[in-house]
Amino acid sequence: MAKDNKEEIEDLKKQIEDLEEEAEAYERQDNDKEDQYDEFLDDAYGEVQIGGYSYSTSKALKDVDEIAYNEGFSSWANNEMTRLKEEIDDLKDQVKALEEE
């Protein structure tokens, strides 16, 4: 195995470790992930008008229908975990290929 491959493998393993930690945070549904979901909602839908007042979509949804908000958050977090796990699998395949060279 070439020196460059060893360095690349170590870099890939570090990326895998970082992504695994992020996936675990989604599984725990950490508060910072809820903040990211709020940001996702607000970016996607902007502000809503209720009775002449403006509210962020995330706040309005959470206050008006907390069950829908929580279901949406769970779905969003599951999609993010799936994306991360696919990315981890791709990186592991790259590591394996480099180790076999």
N, C-alpha and C. Protein backbone atom coordinates (compact mmCIF):
# COMPACT_ATOMS: atom_id res chain seq x y z
N MET A 1 0.85 -1.17 0.00
CA MET A 1 0.00 0.00 0.00
C MET A 1 0.90 1.24 0.00
N ALA A 2 0.62 2.15 -0.90
CA ALA A 2 1.41 3.36 -1.03
C ALA A 2 1.14 4.32 0.12
N LYS A 3 2.13 5.19 0.36
CA LYS A 3 2.00 6.17 1.44
C LYS A 3 0.79 7.07 1.22
N ASP A 4 0.56 7.48 -0.03
CA ASP A 4 -0.59 8.33 -0.34
C ASP A 4 -1.90 7.63 0.01
N ASN A 5 -1.94 6.31 -0.25
CA ASN A 5 -3.16 5.55 0.08
C ASN A 5 -3.39 5.52 1.58
N LYS A 6 -2.33 5.36 2.36
CA LYS A 6 -2.46 5.33 3.82
C LYS A 6 -3.03 6.65 4.33
N GLU A 7 -2.53 7.74 3.80
CA GLU A 7 -3.03 9.05 4.22
C GLU A 7 -4.48 9.24 3.81
N GLU A 8 -4.81 8.80 2.59
CA GLU A 8 -6.18 8.94 2.12
C GLU A 8 -7.12 8.06 2.95
N ILE A 9 -6.67 6.86 3.29
CA ILE A 9 -7.47 5.96 4.12
C ILE A 9 -7.73 6.59 5.48
N GLU A 10 -6.71 7.16 6.09
CA GLU A 10 -6.89 7.81 7.39
C GLU A 10 -7.86 8.98 7.30
N ASP A 11 -7.77 9.74 6.22
CA ASP A 11 -8.68 10.86 6.01
C ASP A 11 -10.12 10.36 5.86
N LEU A 12 -10.30 9.30 5.08
CA LEU A 12 -11.63 8.72 4.90
C LEU A 12 -12.19 8.18 6.21
N LYS A 13 -11.33 7.53 7.00
CA LYS A 13 -11.77 6.98 8.29
C LYS A 13 -12.21 8.10 9.23
N LYS A 14 -11.54 9.22 9.19
CA LYS A 14 -11.91 10.38 10.01
C LYS A 14 -13.27 10.92 9.56
N GLN A 15 -13.48 10.99 8.25
CA GLN A 15 -14.77 11.44 7.72
C GLN A 15 -15.89 10.50 8.17
N ILE A 16 -15.61 9.20 8.12
CA ILE A 16 -16.59 8.20 8.56
C ILE A 16 -16.94 8.41 10.03
N GLU A 17 -15.92 8.60 10.85
CA GLU A 17 -16.14 8.82 12.28
C GLU A 17 -17.00 10.05 12.53
N ASP A 18 -16.71 11.14 11.82
CA ASP A 18 -17.48 12.37 11.97
C ASP A 18 -18.94 12.17 11.56
N LEU A 19 -19.15 11.48 10.45
CA LEU A 19 -20.50 11.24 9.97
C LEU A 19 -21.27 10.31 10.91
N GLU A 20 -20.58 9.33 11.49
CA GLU A 20 -21.24 8.42 12.45
C GLU A 20 -21.68 9.19 13.69
N GLU A 21 -20.87 10.13 14.15
CA GLU A 21 -21.25 10.96 15.30
C GLU A 21 -22.46 11.81 14.97
N GLU A 22 -22.49 12.35 13.75
CA GLU A 22 -23.63 13.17 13.34
C GLU A 22 -24.90 12.32 13.25
N ALA A 23 -24.78 11.10 12.71
CA ALA A 23 -25.93 10.20 12.62
C ALA A 23 -26.46 9.86 14.01
N GLU A 24 -25.56 9.65 14.96
CA GLU A 24 -25.98 9.36 16.34
C GLU A 24 -26.74 10.54 16.94
N ALA A 25 -26.35 11.75 16.59
CA ALA A 25 -27.04 12.94 17.09
C ALA A 25 -28.48 12.97 16.55
N TYR A 26 -28.66 12.55 15.30
CA TYR A 26 -30.02 12.48 14.75
C TYR A 26 -30.83 11.42 15.48
N GLU A 27 -30.22 10.28 15.77
CA GLU A 27 -30.92 9.21 16.48
C GLU A 27 -31.35 9.67 17.87
N ARG A 28 -30.52 10.47 18.52
CA ARG A 28 -30.86 11.00 19.85
C ARG A 28 -31.83 12.17 19.75
N GLN A 29 -31.99 12.70 18.54
CA GLN A 29 -32.80 13.88 18.27
C GLN A 29 -32.36 15.04 19.16
N ASP A 30 -31.05 15.32 19.09
CA ASP A 30 -30.47 16.42 19.85
C ASP A 30 -31.15 17.75 19.52
N ASN A 31 -31.11 18.67 20.47
CA ASN A 31 -31.73 19.98 20.28
C ASN A 31 -31.16 20.72 19.09
N ASP A 32 -29.86 20.58 18.83
CA ASP A 32 -29.29 21.29 17.69
C ASP A 32 -29.87 20.75 16.38
N LYS A 33 -30.30 19.48 16.38
CA LYS A 33 -30.94 18.92 15.18
C LYS A 33 -32.33 19.51 15.02
N GLU A 34 -33.00 19.76 16.13
CA GLU A 34 -34.31 20.41 16.06
C GLU A 34 -34.14 21.83 15.51
N ASP A 35 -33.08 22.50 15.90
CA ASP A 35 -32.79 23.83 15.36
C ASP A 35 -32.56 23.75 13.85
N GLN A 36 -31.86 22.71 13.41
CA GLN A 36 -31.62 22.52 11.98
C GLN A 36 -32.93 22.26 11.24
N TYR A 37 -33.82 21.50 11.86
CA TYR A 37 -35.13 21.24 11.26
C TYR A 37 -35.92 22.55 11.15
N ASP A 38 -35.89 23.34 12.22
CA ASP A 38 -36.57 24.64 12.18
C ASP A 38 -36.04 25.49 11.03
N GLU A 39 -34.73 25.50 10.87
CA GLU A 39 -34.11 26.26 9.80
C GLU A 39 -34.55 25.73 8.43
N PHE A 40 -34.61 24.38 8.31
CA PHE A 40 -35.07 23.76 7.08
C PHE A 40 -36.50 24.22 6.76
N LEU A 41 -37.40 24.15 7.75
CA LEU A 41 -38.79 24.57 7.53
C LEU A 41 -38.87 26.05 7.14
N ASP A 42 -38.15 26.87 7.88
CA ASP A 42 -38.21 28.32 7.64
C ASP A 42 -37.64 28.68 6.28
N ASP A 43 -36.58 28.00 5.86
CA ASP A 43 -36.00 28.26 4.54
C ASP A 43 -36.94 27.78 3.43
N ALA A 44 -37.59 26.64 3.67
CA ALA A 44 -38.46 26.06 2.64
C ALA A 44 -39.78 26.84 2.50
N TYR A 45 -40.33 27.31 3.62
CA TYR A 45 -41.67 27.89 3.58
C TYR A 45 -41.75 29.36 3.97
N GLY A 46 -40.67 29.92 4.46
CA GLY A 46 -40.67 31.33 4.82
C GLY A 46 -41.55 31.62 6.01
N GLU A 47 -42.11 32.82 6.01
CA GLU A 47 -42.97 33.24 7.12
C GLU A 47 -44.43 33.02 6.76
N VAL A 48 -45.23 32.84 7.80
CA VAL A 48 -46.68 32.71 7.61
C VAL A 48 -47.35 33.92 8.26
N GLN A 49 -48.48 34.28 7.70
CA GLN A 49 -49.25 35.41 8.22
C GLN A 49 -50.46 34.86 8.96
N ILE A 50 -50.62 35.27 10.19
CA ILE A 50 -51.79 34.90 10.98
C ILE A 50 -52.31 36.17 11.65
N GLY A 51 -53.52 36.54 11.29
CA GLY A 51 -54.15 37.71 11.91
C GLY A 51 -53.34 38.98 11.74
N GLY A 52 -52.67 39.10 10.62
CA GLY A 52 -51.88 40.30 10.36
C GLY A 52 -50.49 40.28 10.97
N TYR A 53 -50.14 39.19 11.63
CA TYR A 53 -48.81 39.07 12.22
C TYR A 53 -48.01 38.02 11.45
N SER A 54 -46.69 38.20 11.44
CA SER A 54 -45.80 37.26 10.75
C SER A 54 -45.10 36.36 11.76
N TYR A 55 -45.04 35.07 11.42
CA TYR A 55 -44.35 34.09 12.26
C TYR A 55 -43.51 33.19 11.38
N SER A 56 -42.44 32.67 11.96
CA SER A 56 -41.67 31.67 11.21
C SER A 56 -42.53 30.42 11.09
N THR A 57 -42.37 29.71 9.99
CA THR A 57 -43.15 28.49 9.78
C THR A 57 -42.93 27.49 10.91
N SER A 58 -41.69 27.34 11.34
CA SER A 58 -41.40 26.35 12.39
C SER A 58 -42.12 26.69 13.69
N LYS A 59 -42.11 27.97 14.07
CA LYS A 59 -42.79 28.37 15.31
C LYS A 59 -44.29 28.20 15.19
N ALA A 60 -44.83 28.61 14.05
CA ALA A 60 -46.28 28.51 13.87
C ALA A 60 -46.72 27.05 13.90
N LEU A 61 -46.00 26.19 13.19
CA LEU A 61 -46.38 24.78 13.16
C LEU A 61 -46.25 24.15 14.54
N LYS A 62 -45.16 24.46 15.23
CA LYS A 62 -44.95 23.89 16.57
C LYS A 62 -46.04 24.35 17.54
N ASP A 63 -46.43 25.62 17.45
CA ASP A 63 -47.43 26.16 18.37
C ASP A 63 -48.85 25.72 18.01
N VAL A 64 -49.14 25.59 16.72
CA VAL A 64 -50.49 25.26 16.28
C VAL A 64 -50.76 23.76 16.29
N ASP A 65 -49.76 22.98 15.85
CA ASP A 65 -49.96 21.53 15.74
C ASP A 65 -48.64 20.82 16.07
N GLU A 66 -48.39 20.68 17.36
CA GLU A 66 -47.13 20.10 17.81
C GLU A 66 -46.95 18.67 17.33
N ILE A 67 -48.05 17.93 17.20
CA ILE A 67 -47.96 16.55 16.71
C ILE A 67 -47.43 16.54 15.27
N ALA A 68 -47.99 17.38 14.41
CA ALA A 68 -47.52 17.47 13.02
C ALA A 68 -46.05 17.91 12.98
N TYR A 69 -45.70 18.86 13.83
CA TYR A 69 -44.31 19.31 13.90
C TYR A 69 -43.39 18.14 14.27
N ASN A 70 -43.76 17.39 15.31
CA ASN A 70 -42.93 16.27 15.77
C ASN A 70 -42.84 15.16 14.74
N GLU A 71 -43.95 14.87 14.05
CA GLU A 71 -43.93 13.87 13.00
C GLU A 71 -43.03 14.32 11.84
N GLY A 72 -43.14 15.58 11.49
CA GLY A 72 -42.29 16.13 10.44
C GLY A 72 -40.82 16.07 10.82
N PHE A 73 -40.54 16.41 12.07
CA PHE A 73 -39.15 16.36 12.54
C PHE A 73 -38.61 14.93 12.48
N SER A 74 -39.41 13.97 12.94
CA SER A 74 -38.97 12.57 12.92
C SER A 74 -38.71 12.10 11.49
N SER A 75 -39.59 12.44 10.58
CA SER A 75 -39.41 12.07 9.18
C SER A 75 -38.15 12.71 8.60
N TRP A 76 -37.96 13.99 8.87
CA TRP A 76 -36.79 14.71 8.38
C TRP A 76 -35.51 14.11 8.96
N ALA A 77 -35.52 13.82 10.27
CA ALA A 77 -34.33 13.23 10.92
C ALA A 77 -34.03 11.85 10.34
N ASN A 78 -35.06 11.05 10.09
CA ASN A 78 -34.84 9.72 9.50
C ASN A 78 -34.24 9.84 8.10
N ASN A 79 -34.73 10.79 7.31
CA ASN A 79 -34.15 11.02 5.98
C ASN A 79 -32.69 11.44 6.08
N GLU A 80 -32.39 12.30 7.03
CA GLU A 80 -31.01 12.74 7.21
C GLU A 80 -30.11 11.57 7.65
N MET A 81 -30.62 10.71 8.55
CA MET A 81 -29.84 9.55 8.98
C MET A 81 -29.60 8.60 7.82
N THR A 82 -30.60 8.39 6.98
CA THR A 82 -30.44 7.52 5.81
C THR A 82 -29.38 8.09 4.88
N ARG A 83 -29.44 9.39 4.64
CA ARG A 83 -28.45 10.04 3.77
C ARG A 83 -27.05 9.87 4.34
N LEU A 84 -26.91 10.09 5.65
CA LEU A 84 -25.59 9.95 6.28
C LEU A 84 -25.09 8.52 6.22
N LYS A 85 -25.96 7.56 6.46
CA LYS A 85 -25.55 6.15 6.43
C LYS A 85 -25.13 5.74 5.03
N GLU A 86 -25.80 6.24 4.00
CA GLU A 86 -25.40 5.96 2.62
C GLU A 86 -24.02 6.56 2.34
N GLU A 87 -23.81 7.76 2.83
CA GLU A 87 -22.51 8.43 2.65
C GLU A 87 -21.41 7.65 3.38
N ILE A 88 -21.72 7.16 4.59
CA ILE A 88 -20.76 6.35 5.35
C ILE A 88 -20.43 5.08 4.59
N ASP A 89 -21.45 4.41 4.06
CA ASP A 89 -21.22 3.18 3.30
C ASP A 89 -20.34 3.44 2.08
N ASP A 90 -20.58 4.54 1.38
CA ASP A 90 -19.75 4.89 0.23
C ASP A 90 -18.29 5.10 0.64
N LEU A 91 -18.09 5.80 1.76
CA LEU A 91 -16.72 6.04 2.24
C LEU A 91 -16.05 4.73 2.65
N LYS A 92 -16.81 3.84 3.28
CA LYS A 92 -16.25 2.54 3.68
C LYS A 92 -15.84 1.73 2.45
N ASP A 93 -16.64 1.82 1.39
CA ASP A 93 -16.28 1.14 0.13
C ASP A 93 -14.99 1.72 -0.44
N GLN A 94 -14.83 3.02 -0.34
CA GLN A 94 -13.60 3.65 -0.82
C GLN A 94 -12.39 3.18 -0.02
N VAL A 95 -12.56 3.08 1.30
CA VAL A 95 -11.48 2.61 2.16
C VAL A 95 -11.10 1.19 1.77
N LYS A 96 -12.11 0.35 1.60
CA LYS A 96 -11.86 -1.06 1.25
C LYS A 96 -11.11 -1.15 -0.07
N ALA A 97 -11.53 -0.38 -1.05
CA ALA A 97 -10.86 -0.39 -2.36
C ALA A 97 -9.41 0.05 -2.25
N LEU A 98 -9.16 1.07 -1.45
CA LEU A 98 -7.77 1.54 -1.28
C LEU A 98 -6.93 0.52 -0.53
N GLU A 99 -7.52 -0.15 0.44
CA GLU A 99 -6.78 -1.16 1.20
C GLU A 99 -6.43 -2.38 0.36
N GLU A 100 -7.24 -2.64 -0.69
CA GLU A 100 -6.99 -3.77 -1.54
C GLU A 100 -5.97 -3.49 -2.63
N GLU A 101 -5.61 -2.21 -2.81
CA GLU A 101 -4.61 -1.85 -3.83
C GLU A 101 -3.22 -2.30 -3.42
